[in-house]
Amino acid sequence: MNSRQTIRQAIRLKRQQLSPTICLQASVEICHYIANTPWFLRSRRIAFYYAVRGEIDPRYLMQRAWQMHKNCYLPVCHPVQHQSLLFVPYRRHDLLKPNRYHILEPNLKAHTPCKPLALDLVFVPLVAFDQQGNRLGSGKGYYDRTFAYLQRLSGQTRPLLVGLAYQFQAVKQIPTQPWDIPLDEVIVADYP
């Protein structure tokens, strides 16, 4: 079985080799599909992410969400709690600034964050995933820490965690850790 770091390196290399055209086509395809799903249509508070390094880009879906008058959020690195996230409202013309990882995020001081439990739908970036819904992220654990409370929740309303991926990001099995939070669903582009 491959180690988590070996899987990360192999998938990141494949993702870096994608052309901008392929990234755009895959992102638009996935966003078009999701825009018509019942779970997207009924969601009112949706957390997106700012795509980097060839990730599937959900911004096309965010534009659709704005048209439908949904509340859109982007993650912001928590200023106090180590390696966890806050979800800050993001509106069409808000300015974004790079965080310490050079990922753009909204101004935390300009808006009141939404509690993770209050979100209906969360799009989660990933490096790799398996058929059991296990996700391999960038390795810092931000999403796992932020949504750790889901391990203690049963039968209550909770956000739907959805990963967006290319086909090559699927692996047979991801070595898991006790703190890993699985995805509820992964939407995969038909190509490359």
Foldseek 3Di string as FASTA:
>chain_A
DDALVVLLVVLLVVLLPDDPVVLVVLLVVLLVVVLPDPLNVPWQEEEEECDDSNWRGPVVNVVVSVVVVGWYWYWDQDPPPAQATFTWTDDDPFDWDQDPVGGTHGDPVVGPTDQQFPGAEYEDEASAAEPVQFGRHPPSCHVLVSPQCVVVDDPDRGHQYEYEEEPVRYDHDHDDDPSTDGHPYYDYGPHD
